[in-house]
Amino acid sequence: MESDVQEPLLHVVLFQPEIPPNTGNIGRSCVGVGAKLWLVRPLGFQMDEKALRRAGMDYWQHVDCEVVDDWQQLSERLSHIPANRFWYITKFADKLLWNATFQRGDVVVFGSESKGLPAELRAENTQNCLKLPMKEAIRSLNLASTANTVMYEVVRQLGGNLT
């Protein structure tokens, strides 16, 4: 029997997130666009932390969120998605976000606030590493702001219709 469960618009992966308000805000945006949120341990907070719920507001109960123990477990859970549909957001990429072509159900991976994505993960996936343009004067962009920008670029490319 075929499942009538529709693939989410997007899978948003936070690799070892550290700051609860960022995760809460990203979860809220995921609800807004119909994305599934994946959190890869270790987390820098408890899932019941007040700051997480506060940032997610009363939308947190609607977040389609799954927490996995490590990258291996995430890979197993998303094994139905081809590797070329995983996108890695990093300031070390050569390719700008605007030059990627997204499809419904793609996976977008973000690193932790203080460390970003592991070098080995970036090295294994250089063709699918993407960045947002930014001046050299800053070290990094805010994770929640970056995730929101990426999510809405996907929405734009898919026609802007969320229904």
N, C-alpha and C. Protein backbone atom coordinates (compact mmCIF):
# COMPACT_ATOMS: atom_id res chain seq x y z
N MET A 1 0.84 -1.18 0.00
CA MET A 1 0.00 0.00 0.00
C MET A 1 0.89 1.25 0.00
N GLU A 2 0.59 2.17 -0.86
CA GLU A 2 1.36 3.39 -0.98
C GLU A 2 0.97 4.37 0.11
N SER A 3 1.98 5.04 0.66
CA SER A 3 1.73 6.02 1.71
C SER A 3 1.22 7.31 1.09
N ASP A 4 0.24 7.93 1.76
CA ASP A 4 -0.24 9.23 1.26
C ASP A 4 0.38 10.37 2.06
N VAL A 5 1.41 10.06 2.83
CA VAL A 5 2.15 11.09 3.55
C VAL A 5 3.06 11.80 2.55
N GLN A 6 2.89 13.10 2.46
CA GLN A 6 3.67 13.88 1.50
C GLN A 6 5.03 14.24 2.09
N GLU A 7 6.04 14.17 1.24
CA GLU A 7 7.39 14.59 1.62
C GLU A 7 7.32 16.07 2.02
N PRO A 8 8.01 16.45 3.09
CA PRO A 8 8.00 17.88 3.43
C PRO A 8 8.63 18.71 2.31
N LEU A 9 8.32 19.96 2.30
CA LEU A 9 8.91 20.86 1.31
C LEU A 9 10.43 20.76 1.35
N LEU A 10 10.95 20.61 2.55
CA LEU A 10 12.39 20.68 2.76
C LEU A 10 12.71 19.98 4.08
N HIS A 11 13.89 19.39 4.16
CA HIS A 11 14.43 18.86 5.42
C HIS A 11 15.51 19.85 5.86
N VAL A 12 15.36 20.41 7.04
CA VAL A 12 16.34 21.34 7.59
C VAL A 12 17.08 20.62 8.71
N VAL A 13 18.39 20.47 8.53
CA VAL A 13 19.22 19.77 9.51
C VAL A 13 20.11 20.76 10.24
N LEU A 14 20.05 20.72 11.57
CA LEU A 14 20.96 21.51 12.40
C LEU A 14 21.93 20.52 13.02
N PHE A 15 23.18 20.60 12.60
CA PHE A 15 24.22 19.71 13.09
C PHE A 15 24.81 20.28 14.38
N GLN A 16 24.49 19.66 15.48
CA GLN A 16 24.98 20.03 16.81
C GLN A 16 24.71 21.50 17.16
N PRO A 17 23.44 21.92 17.08
CA PRO A 17 23.12 23.31 17.43
C PRO A 17 23.40 23.59 18.90
N GLU A 18 23.74 24.84 19.19
CA GLU A 18 24.16 25.20 20.55
C GLU A 18 23.24 26.22 21.23
N ILE A 19 22.55 27.04 20.46
CA ILE A 19 21.83 28.17 21.05
C ILE A 19 20.32 27.96 20.89
N PRO A 20 19.62 27.77 22.02
CA PRO A 20 18.19 27.46 21.94
C PRO A 20 17.34 28.46 21.16
N PRO A 21 17.54 29.79 21.32
CA PRO A 21 16.69 30.70 20.54
C PRO A 21 16.86 30.53 19.02
N ASN A 22 18.08 30.23 18.56
CA ASN A 22 18.26 29.99 17.13
C ASN A 22 17.42 28.79 16.69
N THR A 23 17.52 27.71 17.43
CA THR A 23 16.76 26.50 17.08
C THR A 23 15.26 26.77 17.14
N GLY A 24 14.82 27.51 18.15
CA GLY A 24 13.40 27.85 18.26
C GLY A 24 12.92 28.67 17.08
N ASN A 25 13.71 29.66 16.68
CA ASN A 25 13.34 30.50 15.53
C ASN A 25 13.35 29.69 14.23
N ILE A 26 14.31 28.80 14.08
CA ILE A 26 14.36 27.96 12.88
C ILE A 26 13.17 27.02 12.85
N GLY A 27 12.82 26.47 14.00
CA GLY A 27 11.62 25.62 14.07
C GLY A 27 10.37 26.36 13.66
N ARG A 28 10.25 27.58 14.11
CA ARG A 28 9.10 28.42 13.75
C ARG A 28 9.05 28.64 12.23
N SER A 29 10.20 28.92 11.62
CA SER A 29 10.24 29.08 10.17
C SER A 29 9.90 27.78 9.46
N CYS A 30 10.35 26.65 10.02
CA CYS A 30 10.01 25.35 9.42
C CYS A 30 8.50 25.15 9.38
N VAL A 31 7.82 25.51 10.46
CA VAL A 31 6.35 25.41 10.46
C VAL A 31 5.79 26.30 9.36
N GLY A 32 6.34 27.49 9.22
CA GLY A 32 5.85 28.47 8.24
C GLY A 32 5.96 28.00 6.80
N VAL A 33 6.96 27.18 6.49
CA VAL A 33 7.14 26.75 5.10
C VAL A 33 6.84 25.27 4.87
N GLY A 34 6.54 24.54 5.93
CA GLY A 34 6.25 23.11 5.77
C GLY A 34 7.50 22.25 5.68
N ALA A 35 8.54 22.64 6.41
CA ALA A 35 9.79 21.88 6.42
C ALA A 35 9.86 21.01 7.67
N LYS A 36 10.60 19.93 7.57
CA LYS A 36 10.87 19.09 8.73
C LYS A 36 12.22 19.49 9.31
N LEU A 37 12.29 19.60 10.63
CA LEU A 37 13.51 19.98 11.32
C LEU A 37 14.17 18.74 11.91
N TRP A 38 15.45 18.59 11.64
CA TRP A 38 16.25 17.50 12.19
C TRP A 38 17.34 18.11 13.05
N LEU A 39 17.53 17.57 14.25
CA LEU A 39 18.58 18.03 15.14
C LEU A 39 19.53 16.87 15.38
N VAL A 40 20.82 17.10 15.11
CA VAL A 40 21.84 16.07 15.29
C VAL A 40 22.59 16.35 16.59
N ARG A 41 22.55 15.38 17.50
CA ARG A 41 23.24 15.50 18.79
C ARG A 41 24.75 15.49 18.62
N PRO A 42 25.46 16.04 19.61
CA PRO A 42 24.95 16.60 20.86
C PRO A 42 24.36 18.00 20.65
N LEU A 43 23.34 18.28 21.44
CA LEU A 43 22.70 19.59 21.43
C LEU A 43 23.27 20.41 22.57
N GLY A 44 23.34 21.71 22.39
CA GLY A 44 23.85 22.59 23.43
C GLY A 44 22.78 23.02 24.41
N PHE A 45 21.67 22.31 24.45
CA PHE A 45 20.53 22.68 25.29
C PHE A 45 19.63 21.46 25.46
N GLN A 46 18.70 21.58 26.38
CA GLN A 46 17.68 20.56 26.58
C GLN A 46 16.47 20.92 25.72
N MET A 47 15.80 19.92 25.20
CA MET A 47 14.65 20.19 24.32
C MET A 47 13.50 20.88 25.04
N ASP A 48 13.46 20.79 26.35
CA ASP A 48 12.38 21.45 27.09
C ASP A 48 12.80 22.83 27.62
N GLU A 49 13.93 23.31 27.16
CA GLU A 49 14.46 24.59 27.63
C GLU A 49 13.51 25.74 27.28
N LYS A 50 13.32 26.62 28.25
CA LYS A 50 12.41 27.75 28.10
C LYS A 50 12.76 28.63 26.90
N ALA A 51 14.05 28.90 26.70
CA ALA A 51 14.48 29.77 25.59
C ALA A 51 14.11 29.18 24.24
N LEU A 52 14.16 27.87 24.12
CA LEU A 52 13.77 27.19 22.87
C LEU A 52 12.28 27.39 22.61
N ARG A 53 11.48 27.14 23.63
CA ARG A 53 10.02 27.28 23.49
C ARG A 53 9.63 28.74 23.26
N ARG A 54 10.33 29.66 23.94
CA ARG A 54 10.01 31.07 23.80
C ARG A 54 10.27 31.55 22.38
N ALA A 55 11.39 31.16 21.80
CA ALA A 55 11.72 31.57 20.43
C ALA A 55 10.76 30.93 19.43
N GLY A 56 10.36 29.71 19.70
CA GLY A 56 9.41 29.03 18.82
C GLY A 56 7.98 29.47 19.04
N MET A 57 7.78 30.25 20.09
CA MET A 57 6.47 30.75 20.51
C MET A 57 5.49 29.60 20.63
N ASP A 58 4.25 29.86 20.35
CA ASP A 58 3.25 28.80 20.47
C ASP A 58 3.21 27.91 19.23
N TYR A 59 4.20 28.07 18.34
CA TYR A 59 4.29 27.24 17.14
C TYR A 59 5.09 25.97 17.39
N TRP A 60 5.87 25.93 18.48
CA TRP A 60 6.77 24.79 18.69
C TRP A 60 6.01 23.46 18.69
N GLN A 61 4.79 23.46 19.19
CA GLN A 61 4.00 22.23 19.20
C GLN A 61 3.69 21.73 17.79
N HIS A 62 3.80 22.57 16.79
CA HIS A 62 3.52 22.21 15.41
C HIS A 62 4.77 21.86 14.61
N VAL A 63 5.95 22.00 15.22
CA VAL A 63 7.20 21.72 14.52
C VAL A 63 7.32 20.21 14.31
N ASP A 64 7.52 19.82 13.07
CA ASP A 64 7.82 18.42 12.75
C ASP A 64 9.32 18.27 12.98
N CYS A 65 9.69 17.77 14.15
CA CYS A 65 11.08 17.74 14.57
C CYS A 65 11.48 16.34 14.98
N GLU A 66 12.67 15.95 14.55
CA GLU A 66 13.22 14.66 14.95
C GLU A 66 14.66 14.88 15.39
N VAL A 67 15.01 14.30 16.53
CA VAL A 67 16.36 14.40 17.07
C VAL A 67 17.04 13.05 16.84
N VAL A 68 18.25 13.10 16.27
CA VAL A 68 19.01 11.88 16.02
C VAL A 68 20.34 11.96 16.77
N ASP A 69 20.92 10.81 17.04
CA ASP A 69 22.13 10.75 17.86
C ASP A 69 23.39 11.22 17.16
N ASP A 70 23.46 11.00 15.82
CA ASP A 70 24.69 11.34 15.10
C ASP A 70 24.41 11.40 13.61
N TRP A 71 25.46 11.75 12.85
CA TRP A 71 25.32 11.87 11.40
C TRP A 71 24.92 10.55 10.76
N GLN A 72 25.46 9.46 11.26
CA GLN A 72 25.15 8.12 10.74
C GLN A 72 23.65 7.84 10.84
N GLN A 73 23.07 8.13 11.98
CA GLN A 73 21.64 7.89 12.16
C GLN A 73 20.82 8.80 11.24
N LEU A 74 21.23 10.04 11.09
CA LEU A 74 20.53 10.94 10.16
C LEU A 74 20.59 10.38 8.74
N SER A 75 21.76 9.95 8.32
CA SER A 75 21.95 9.39 6.98
C SER A 75 21.04 8.19 6.75
N GLU A 76 20.91 7.35 7.75
CA GLU A 76 20.04 6.19 7.65
C GLU A 76 18.58 6.61 7.52
N ARG A 77 18.16 7.59 8.34
CA ARG A 77 16.76 8.05 8.32
C ARG A 77 16.41 8.75 7.00
N LEU A 78 17.41 9.35 6.36
CA LEU A 78 17.16 10.07 5.10
C LEU A 78 17.77 9.34 3.90
N SER A 79 17.98 8.06 4.03
CA SER A 79 18.63 7.28 2.96
C SER A 79 17.82 7.22 1.67
N HIS A 80 16.54 7.55 1.74
CA HIS A 80 15.70 7.56 0.54
C HIS A 80 15.95 8.80 -0.34
N ILE A 81 16.71 9.75 0.18
CA ILE A 81 17.01 10.97 -0.57
C ILE A 81 18.42 10.86 -1.15
N PRO A 82 18.56 11.03 -2.46
CA PRO A 82 19.89 10.92 -3.08
C PRO A 82 20.89 11.92 -2.51
N ALA A 83 22.16 11.52 -2.46
CA ALA A 83 23.22 12.36 -1.89
C ALA A 83 23.33 13.71 -2.59
N ASN A 84 23.02 13.77 -3.89
CA ASN A 84 23.14 15.04 -4.61
C ASN A 84 22.01 16.01 -4.27
N ARG A 85 21.08 15.59 -3.43
CA ARG A 85 20.01 16.49 -2.98
C ARG A 85 20.22 16.94 -1.54
N PHE A 86 21.43 16.70 -1.00
CA PHE A 86 21.84 17.25 0.29
C PHE A 86 22.66 18.50 0.00
N TRP A 87 22.33 19.58 0.64
CA TRP A 87 23.03 20.85 0.47
C TRP A 87 23.64 21.27 1.80
N TYR A 88 24.88 21.70 1.79
CA TYR A 88 25.63 22.03 2.99
C TYR A 88 25.94 23.52 2.98
N ILE A 89 25.43 24.23 3.97
CA ILE A 89 25.60 25.68 4.01
C ILE A 89 26.84 26.00 4.84
N THR A 90 27.81 26.64 4.19
CA THR A 90 29.08 26.95 4.83
C THR A 90 29.73 28.17 4.19
N LYS A 91 30.38 28.97 4.99
CA LYS A 91 31.09 30.14 4.44
C LYS A 91 32.28 29.72 3.60
N PHE A 92 32.68 28.46 3.67
CA PHE A 92 33.84 27.98 2.91
C PHE A 92 33.47 27.48 1.50
N ALA A 93 32.22 27.56 1.14
CA ALA A 93 31.78 27.10 -0.19
C ALA A 93 32.25 28.06 -1.27
N ASP A 94 32.35 27.54 -2.48
CA ASP A 94 32.65 28.37 -3.64
C ASP A 94 31.38 28.81 -4.36
N LYS A 95 30.31 28.05 -4.19
CA LYS A 95 29.06 28.26 -4.92
C LYS A 95 28.07 29.05 -4.06
N LEU A 96 27.47 30.07 -4.66
CA LEU A 96 26.46 30.86 -3.96
C LEU A 96 25.12 30.11 -3.93
N LEU A 97 24.37 30.36 -2.88
CA LEU A 97 23.04 29.76 -2.70
C LEU A 97 22.17 29.94 -3.94
N TRP A 98 22.24 31.11 -4.56
CA TRP A 98 21.37 31.44 -5.69
C TRP A 98 21.67 30.59 -6.92
N ASN A 99 22.84 29.94 -6.95
CA ASN A 99 23.23 29.14 -8.11
C ASN A 99 22.87 27.66 -7.97
N ALA A 100 22.22 27.30 -6.90
CA ALA A 100 21.76 25.92 -6.71
C ALA A 100 20.33 25.81 -7.23
N THR A 101 19.98 24.62 -7.68
CA THR A 101 18.61 24.35 -8.10
C THR A 101 18.00 23.37 -7.11
N PHE A 102 17.00 23.84 -6.38
CA PHE A 102 16.39 23.03 -5.33
C PHE A 102 15.16 22.29 -5.85
N GLN A 103 14.88 21.16 -5.20
CA GLN A 103 13.69 20.36 -5.47
C GLN A 103 12.95 20.13 -4.16
N ARG A 104 11.67 19.89 -4.26
CA ARG A 104 10.88 19.55 -3.08
C ARG A 104 11.51 18.33 -2.41
N GLY A 105 11.66 18.38 -1.09
CA GLY A 105 12.20 17.27 -0.33
C GLY A 105 13.71 17.28 -0.17
N ASP A 106 14.39 18.32 -0.68
CA ASP A 106 15.83 18.42 -0.51
C ASP A 106 16.19 18.55 0.97
N VAL A 107 17.45 18.29 1.27
CA VAL A 107 17.99 18.37 2.63
C VAL A 107 18.99 19.51 2.68
N VAL A 108 18.81 20.44 3.61
CA VAL A 108 19.73 21.55 3.79
C VAL A 108 20.35 21.42 5.18
N VAL A 109 21.68 21.36 5.21
CA VAL A 109 22.41 21.09 6.45
C VAL A 109 23.16 22.34 6.90
N PHE A 110 22.98 22.68 8.17
CA PHE A 110 23.65 23.83 8.79
C PHE A 110 24.50 23.32 9.95
N GLY A 111 25.67 23.92 10.14
CA GLY A 111 26.55 23.56 11.24
C GLY A 111 26.20 24.31 12.52
N SER A 112 26.93 24.01 13.57
CA SER A 112 26.71 24.66 14.86
C SER A 112 27.14 26.13 14.79
N GLU A 113 26.65 26.88 15.74
CA GLU A 113 26.92 28.31 15.76
C GLU A 113 28.41 28.62 15.92
N SER A 114 29.12 27.86 16.73
CA SER A 114 30.52 28.19 16.99
C SER A 114 31.52 27.48 16.08
N LYS A 115 31.14 26.32 15.54
CA LYS A 115 32.10 25.53 14.75
C LYS A 115 31.72 25.36 13.29
N GLY A 116 30.48 25.63 12.94
CA GLY A 116 30.04 25.38 11.57
C GLY A 116 29.97 23.89 11.29
N LEU A 117 30.09 23.54 10.03
CA LEU A 117 30.08 22.13 9.62
C LEU A 117 31.48 21.54 9.74
N PRO A 118 31.58 20.26 10.12
CA PRO A 118 32.90 19.63 10.18
C PRO A 118 33.60 19.65 8.82
N ALA A 119 34.91 19.85 8.85
CA ALA A 119 35.71 19.93 7.62
C ALA A 119 35.55 18.67 6.77
N GLU A 120 35.50 17.50 7.40
CA GLU A 120 35.38 16.26 6.62
C GLU A 120 34.04 16.17 5.89
N LEU A 121 32.99 16.67 6.50
CA LEU A 121 31.67 16.68 5.83
C LEU A 121 31.70 17.62 4.64
N ARG A 122 32.33 18.77 4.80
CA ARG A 122 32.45 19.72 3.68
C ARG A 122 33.31 19.12 2.57
N ALA A 123 34.41 18.50 2.95
CA ALA A 123 35.34 17.94 1.95
C ALA A 123 34.69 16.82 1.14
N GLU A 124 33.84 16.04 1.77
CA GLU A 124 33.17 14.93 1.08
C GLU A 124 32.06 15.41 0.16
N ASN A 125 31.64 16.66 0.30
CA ASN A 125 30.47 17.15 -0.43
C ASN A 125 30.70 18.52 -1.05
N THR A 126 31.89 18.77 -1.55
CA THR A 126 32.24 20.11 -2.05
C THR A 126 31.28 20.61 -3.13
N GLN A 127 30.82 19.71 -3.99
CA GLN A 127 29.92 20.12 -5.08
C GLN A 127 28.58 20.63 -4.58
N ASN A 128 28.21 20.24 -3.36
CA ASN A 128 26.91 20.63 -2.81
C ASN A 128 27.04 21.58 -1.63
N CYS A 129 28.20 22.21 -1.50
CA CYS A 129 28.38 23.23 -0.47
C CYS A 129 27.96 24.58 -1.05
N LEU A 130 27.19 25.31 -0.26
CA LEU A 130 26.66 26.60 -0.69
C LEU A 130 26.94 27.65 0.36
N LYS A 131 27.01 28.90 -0.09
CA LYS A 131 27.20 30.00 0.85
C LYS A 131 26.33 31.19 0.48
N LEU A 132 26.14 32.04 1.47
CA LEU A 132 25.52 33.34 1.25
C LEU A 132 26.67 34.34 1.14
N PRO A 133 26.53 35.33 0.28
CA PRO A 133 27.59 36.33 0.19
C PRO A 133 27.64 37.16 1.47
N MET A 134 28.86 37.47 1.91
CA MET A 134 29.01 38.35 3.08
C MET A 134 30.39 39.01 3.03
N LYS A 135 30.48 40.16 3.59
CA LYS A 135 31.74 40.90 3.67
C LYS A 135 32.70 40.18 4.60
N GLU A 136 33.99 40.31 4.32
CA GLU A 136 35.02 39.66 5.13
C GLU A 136 35.10 40.22 6.54
N ALA A 137 34.51 41.37 6.78
CA ALA A 137 34.59 42.00 8.09
C ALA A 137 33.90 41.19 9.19
N ILE A 138 33.01 40.29 8.80
CA ILE A 138 32.35 39.47 9.82
C ILE A 138 32.75 38.00 9.66
N ARG A 139 32.76 37.31 10.79
CA ARG A 139 33.18 35.91 10.83
C ARG A 139 32.07 34.98 10.31
N SER A 140 30.82 35.32 10.66
CA SER A 140 29.71 34.46 10.26
C SER A 140 28.40 35.22 10.36
N LEU A 141 27.38 34.66 9.77
CA LEU A 141 26.03 35.19 9.87
C LEU A 141 25.29 34.44 10.96
N ASN A 142 24.24 35.01 11.48
CA ASN A 142 23.42 34.34 12.49
C ASN A 142 22.77 33.10 11.88
N LEU A 143 22.79 32.00 12.61
CA LEU A 143 22.26 30.73 12.12
C LEU A 143 20.78 30.83 11.75
N ALA A 144 19.97 31.41 12.63
CA ALA A 144 18.54 31.49 12.35
C ALA A 144 18.26 32.36 11.13
N SER A 145 18.98 33.47 11.01
CA SER A 145 18.79 34.35 9.84
C SER A 145 19.20 33.64 8.56
N THR A 146 20.31 32.93 8.61
CA THR A 146 20.79 32.19 7.44
C THR A 146 19.80 31.10 7.04
N ALA A 147 19.35 30.33 8.03
CA ALA A 147 18.39 29.24 7.74
C ALA A 147 17.11 29.80 7.13
N ASN A 148 16.63 30.91 7.65
CA ASN A 148 15.42 31.54 7.12
C ASN A 148 15.63 31.97 5.67
N THR A 149 16.78 32.57 5.38
CA THR A 149 17.10 33.00 4.02
C THR A 149 17.12 31.80 3.07
N VAL A 150 17.77 30.74 3.49
CA VAL A 150 17.86 29.54 2.65
C VAL A 150 16.47 28.93 2.42
N MET A 151 15.68 28.81 3.49
CA MET A 151 14.34 28.23 3.34
C MET A 151 13.50 29.02 2.34
N TYR A 152 13.57 30.34 2.43
CA TYR A 152 12.74 31.13 1.53
C TYR A 152 13.29 31.20 0.10
N GLU A 153 14.57 30.95 -0.08
CA GLU A 153 15.09 30.79 -1.44
C GLU A 153 14.53 29.50 -2.05
N VAL A 154 14.44 28.44 -1.25
CA VAL A 154 13.83 27.20 -1.74
C VAL A 154 12.37 27.45 -2.09
N VAL A 155 11.65 28.12 -1.22
CA VAL A 155 10.24 28.45 -1.49
C VAL A 155 10.13 29.25 -2.78
N ARG A 156 10.99 30.24 -2.95
CA ARG A 156 10.97 31.06 -4.17
C ARG A 156 11.18 30.20 -5.40
N GLN A 157 12.19 29.33 -5.34
CA GLN A 157 12.48 28.49 -6.51
C GLN A 157 11.35 27.51 -6.82
N LEU A 158 10.63 27.11 -5.81
CA LEU A 158 9.53 26.16 -6.03
C LEU A 158 8.22 26.85 -6.36
N GLY A 159 8.29 28.14 -6.65
CA GLY A 159 7.11 28.84 -7.13
C GLY A 159 6.42 29.71 -6.09
N GLY A 160 6.90 29.67 -4.85
CA GLY A 160 6.34 30.54 -3.83
C GLY A 160 5.00 30.12 -3.26
N ASN A 161 4.49 29.00 -3.70
CA ASN A 161 3.19 28.54 -3.23
C ASN A 161 3.39 27.47 -2.17
N LEU A 162 2.87 27.70 -0.97
CA LEU A 162 3.06 26.77 0.13
C LEU A 162 1.83 25.88 0.38
N THR A 163 0.85 25.98 -0.46
CA THR A 163 -0.35 25.15 -0.23
C THR A 163 -0.23 23.79 -0.88
